[in-house]
Amino acid sequence: MRRKSPAKSEPVVPAEILETAKRSLSNDQFKKTAKCTVCGGETTADLAEQLCWVCRRLKISAWRDNEQQMPAQE
């Protein structure tokens, strides 16, 4: 008894999109990185505040908490 050879299926993602994705990944490797001023983690050099994504999120959360507490103090 002989097995059937699997039928060649069409790729799920077109080749153009795959090529674009591969090029964008290779570009990410060459981006300059800098150190976060708070924790020393990696951050992209193009941001003015030099914070990693974790410290940036904590900063935004702190601002929100501070804004919510201001009316309660008055």
N, C-alpha and C. Protein backbone atom coordinates (compact mmCIF):
# COMPACT_ATOMS: atom_id res chain seq x y z
N MET A 1 0.83 -1.17 0.00
CA MET A 1 0.00 0.00 0.00
C MET A 1 0.89 1.25 0.00
N ARG A 2 0.54 2.18 -0.78
CA ARG A 2 1.35 3.38 -0.96
C ARG A 2 0.60 4.62 -0.46
N ARG A 3 1.29 5.48 0.26
CA ARG A 3 0.66 6.70 0.76
C ARG A 3 0.55 7.73 -0.34
N LYS A 4 -0.49 8.54 -0.21
CA LYS A 4 -0.64 9.63 -1.16
C LYS A 4 0.35 10.74 -0.80
N SER A 5 0.91 11.34 -1.80
CA SER A 5 1.79 12.47 -1.52
C SER A 5 0.91 13.67 -1.19
N PRO A 6 1.34 14.45 -0.20
CA PRO A 6 0.51 15.61 0.17
C PRO A 6 0.41 16.59 -1.00
N ALA A 7 -0.78 17.09 -1.20
CA ALA A 7 -1.00 18.04 -2.28
C ALA A 7 -0.33 19.37 -1.93
N LYS A 8 0.25 19.99 -2.89
CA LYS A 8 0.89 21.29 -2.66
C LYS A 8 -0.20 22.33 -2.45
N SER A 9 -0.15 22.96 -1.29
CA SER A 9 -1.15 23.98 -0.99
C SER A 9 -0.57 25.37 -1.23
N GLU A 10 -1.45 26.28 -1.43
CA GLU A 10 -1.02 27.67 -1.63
C GLU A 10 -0.58 28.23 -0.28
N PRO A 11 0.41 29.11 -0.27
CA PRO A 11 0.83 29.70 1.00
C PRO A 11 -0.28 30.58 1.57
N VAL A 12 -0.37 30.59 2.89
CA VAL A 12 -1.41 31.36 3.56
C VAL A 12 -1.14 32.86 3.41
N VAL A 13 0.11 33.23 3.54
CA VAL A 13 0.51 34.64 3.44
C VAL A 13 1.20 34.84 2.10
N PRO A 14 0.78 35.86 1.34
CA PRO A 14 1.43 36.11 0.06
C PRO A 14 2.93 36.41 0.22
N ALA A 15 3.68 36.07 -0.80
CA ALA A 15 5.14 36.24 -0.76
C ALA A 15 5.55 37.70 -0.59
N GLU A 16 4.77 38.63 -1.14
CA GLU A 16 5.10 40.06 -1.02
C GLU A 16 5.06 40.50 0.44
N ILE A 17 4.04 40.05 1.15
CA ILE A 17 3.91 40.44 2.56
C ILE A 17 5.03 39.81 3.39
N LEU A 18 5.37 38.57 3.11
CA LEU A 18 6.48 37.92 3.81
C LEU A 18 7.79 38.67 3.60
N GLU A 19 8.03 39.09 2.37
CA GLU A 19 9.27 39.80 2.07
C GLU A 19 9.32 41.14 2.80
N THR A 20 8.18 41.84 2.84
CA THR A 20 8.11 43.12 3.55
C THR A 20 8.37 42.92 5.04
N ALA A 21 7.79 41.87 5.61
CA ALA A 21 7.99 41.58 7.03
C ALA A 21 9.45 41.25 7.33
N LYS A 22 10.08 40.49 6.46
CA LYS A 22 11.50 40.14 6.66
C LYS A 22 12.37 41.39 6.61
N ARG A 23 12.07 42.29 5.68
CA ARG A 23 12.86 43.52 5.58
C ARG A 23 12.67 44.40 6.81
N SER A 24 11.44 44.48 7.33
CA SER A 24 11.21 45.32 8.51
C SER A 24 11.90 44.74 9.74
N LEU A 25 11.96 43.41 9.85
CA LEU A 25 12.67 42.80 10.97
C LEU A 25 14.17 43.06 10.89
N SER A 26 14.71 43.02 9.71
CA SER A 26 16.14 43.26 9.58
C SER A 26 16.47 44.72 9.89
N ASN A 27 15.56 45.64 9.60
CA ASN A 27 15.78 47.05 9.92
C ASN A 27 15.74 47.28 11.42
N ASP A 28 14.92 46.52 12.16
CA ASP A 28 14.82 46.69 13.61
C ASP A 28 16.13 46.36 14.31
N GLN A 29 16.91 45.48 13.76
CA GLN A 29 18.14 45.08 14.40
C GLN A 29 19.18 46.20 14.39
N PHE A 30 19.06 47.12 13.47
CA PHE A 30 20.06 48.17 13.34
C PHE A 30 19.66 49.47 14.03
N LYS A 31 18.51 49.49 14.69
CA LYS A 31 18.11 50.71 15.39
C LYS A 31 19.04 50.96 16.56
N LYS A 32 19.33 52.22 16.80
CA LYS A 32 20.18 52.58 17.93
C LYS A 32 19.38 52.45 19.22
N THR A 33 20.02 51.95 20.23
CA THR A 33 19.36 51.84 21.53
C THR A 33 20.14 52.67 22.55
N ALA A 34 19.41 53.08 23.57
CA ALA A 34 20.01 53.86 24.64
C ALA A 34 19.55 53.25 25.96
N LYS A 35 20.08 53.74 27.05
CA LYS A 35 19.71 53.25 28.37
C LYS A 35 18.62 54.13 28.96
N CYS A 36 17.69 53.49 29.67
CA CYS A 36 16.62 54.20 30.38
C CYS A 36 17.26 54.99 31.52
N THR A 37 16.80 56.22 31.73
CA THR A 37 17.38 57.06 32.77
C THR A 37 16.93 56.63 34.16
N VAL A 38 15.86 55.82 34.25
CA VAL A 38 15.35 55.39 35.55
C VAL A 38 15.92 54.03 35.95
N CYS A 39 15.72 53.02 35.07
CA CYS A 39 16.08 51.66 35.45
C CYS A 39 17.29 51.11 34.70
N GLY A 40 17.74 51.78 33.65
CA GLY A 40 18.89 51.32 32.89
C GLY A 40 18.54 50.31 31.81
N GLY A 41 17.26 50.06 31.57
CA GLY A 41 16.84 49.13 30.53
C GLY A 41 17.02 49.72 29.14
N GLU A 42 16.80 48.90 28.12
CA GLU A 42 16.95 49.37 26.75
C GLU A 42 15.79 50.24 26.33
N THR A 43 16.08 51.28 25.60
CA THR A 43 15.07 52.16 25.03
C THR A 43 15.57 52.63 23.68
N THR A 44 14.65 53.02 22.81
CA THR A 44 15.07 53.52 21.51
C THR A 44 15.61 54.93 21.66
N ALA A 45 16.58 55.25 20.86
CA ALA A 45 17.28 56.53 20.99
C ALA A 45 16.48 57.70 20.43
N ASP A 46 15.41 57.44 19.68
CA ASP A 46 14.67 58.53 19.06
C ASP A 46 13.69 59.22 20.00
N LEU A 47 13.49 58.72 21.20
CA LEU A 47 12.58 59.34 22.15
C LEU A 47 13.31 60.41 22.96
N ALA A 48 12.61 61.51 23.22
CA ALA A 48 13.24 62.64 23.91
C ALA A 48 13.42 62.36 25.40
N GLU A 49 12.53 61.58 26.01
CA GLU A 49 12.60 61.41 27.46
C GLU A 49 13.49 60.27 27.92
N GLN A 50 13.95 59.43 27.03
CA GLN A 50 14.89 58.34 27.33
C GLN A 50 14.35 57.41 28.42
N LEU A 51 13.09 56.97 28.29
CA LEU A 51 12.51 56.02 29.22
C LEU A 51 12.19 54.73 28.48
N CYS A 52 12.37 53.60 29.16
CA CYS A 52 11.97 52.33 28.56
C CYS A 52 10.44 52.25 28.60
N TRP A 53 9.88 51.25 27.97
CA TRP A 53 8.42 51.18 27.89
C TRP A 53 7.79 50.95 29.25
N VAL A 54 8.46 50.26 30.15
CA VAL A 54 7.90 50.02 31.48
C VAL A 54 7.85 51.32 32.28
N CYS A 55 8.94 52.04 32.29
CA CYS A 55 8.99 53.31 33.04
C CYS A 55 8.04 54.34 32.44
N ARG A 56 7.90 54.34 31.14
CA ARG A 56 6.98 55.25 30.48
C ARG A 56 5.54 54.95 30.90
N ARG A 57 5.18 53.65 30.96
CA ARG A 57 3.83 53.27 31.38
C ARG A 57 3.59 53.64 32.85
N LEU A 58 4.60 53.44 33.69
CA LEU A 58 4.47 53.81 35.10
C LEU A 58 4.29 55.32 35.26
N LYS A 59 4.98 56.08 34.44
CA LYS A 59 4.87 57.54 34.49
C LYS A 59 3.46 57.97 34.10
N ILE A 60 2.92 57.37 33.04
CA ILE A 60 1.56 57.71 32.60
C ILE A 60 0.54 57.32 33.67
N SER A 61 0.72 56.16 34.28
CA SER A 61 -0.19 55.72 35.35
C SER A 61 -0.14 56.66 36.55
N ALA A 62 1.04 57.11 36.88
CA ALA A 62 1.19 58.04 38.00
C ALA A 62 0.49 59.36 37.70
N TRP A 63 0.60 59.84 36.47
CA TRP A 63 -0.10 61.07 36.09
C TRP A 63 -1.60 60.89 36.22
N ARG A 64 -2.11 59.75 35.76
CA ARG A 64 -3.56 59.50 35.85
C ARG A 64 -4.01 59.45 37.31
N ASP A 65 -3.25 58.76 38.14
CA ASP A 65 -3.61 58.67 39.56
C ASP A 65 -3.59 60.05 40.21
N ASN A 66 -2.61 60.85 39.86
CA ASN A 66 -2.48 62.19 40.43
C ASN A 66 -3.66 63.07 40.00
N GLU A 67 -4.08 62.96 38.75
CA GLU A 67 -5.19 63.76 38.25
C GLU A 67 -6.50 63.36 38.93
N GLN A 68 -6.67 62.08 39.25
CA GLN A 68 -7.89 61.61 39.89
C GLN A 68 -7.93 62.03 41.36
N GLN A 69 -6.79 62.18 41.99
CA GLN A 69 -6.75 62.54 43.41
C GLN A 69 -6.88 64.04 43.62
N MET A 70 -6.58 64.86 42.63
CA MET A 70 -6.62 66.31 42.81
C MET A 70 -8.01 66.81 43.22
N PRO A 71 -9.12 66.44 42.58
CA PRO A 71 -10.41 66.94 43.02
C PRO A 71 -10.80 66.47 44.42
N ALA A 72 -10.31 65.35 44.86
CA ALA A 72 -10.65 64.84 46.19
C ALA A 72 -10.00 65.67 47.29
N GLN A 73 -8.89 66.33 47.01
CA GLN A 73 -8.20 67.12 48.02
C GLN A 73 -8.86 68.47 48.25
N GLU A 74 -9.60 68.97 47.29
CA GLU A 74 -10.20 70.31 47.43
C GLU A 74 -11.39 70.33 48.34
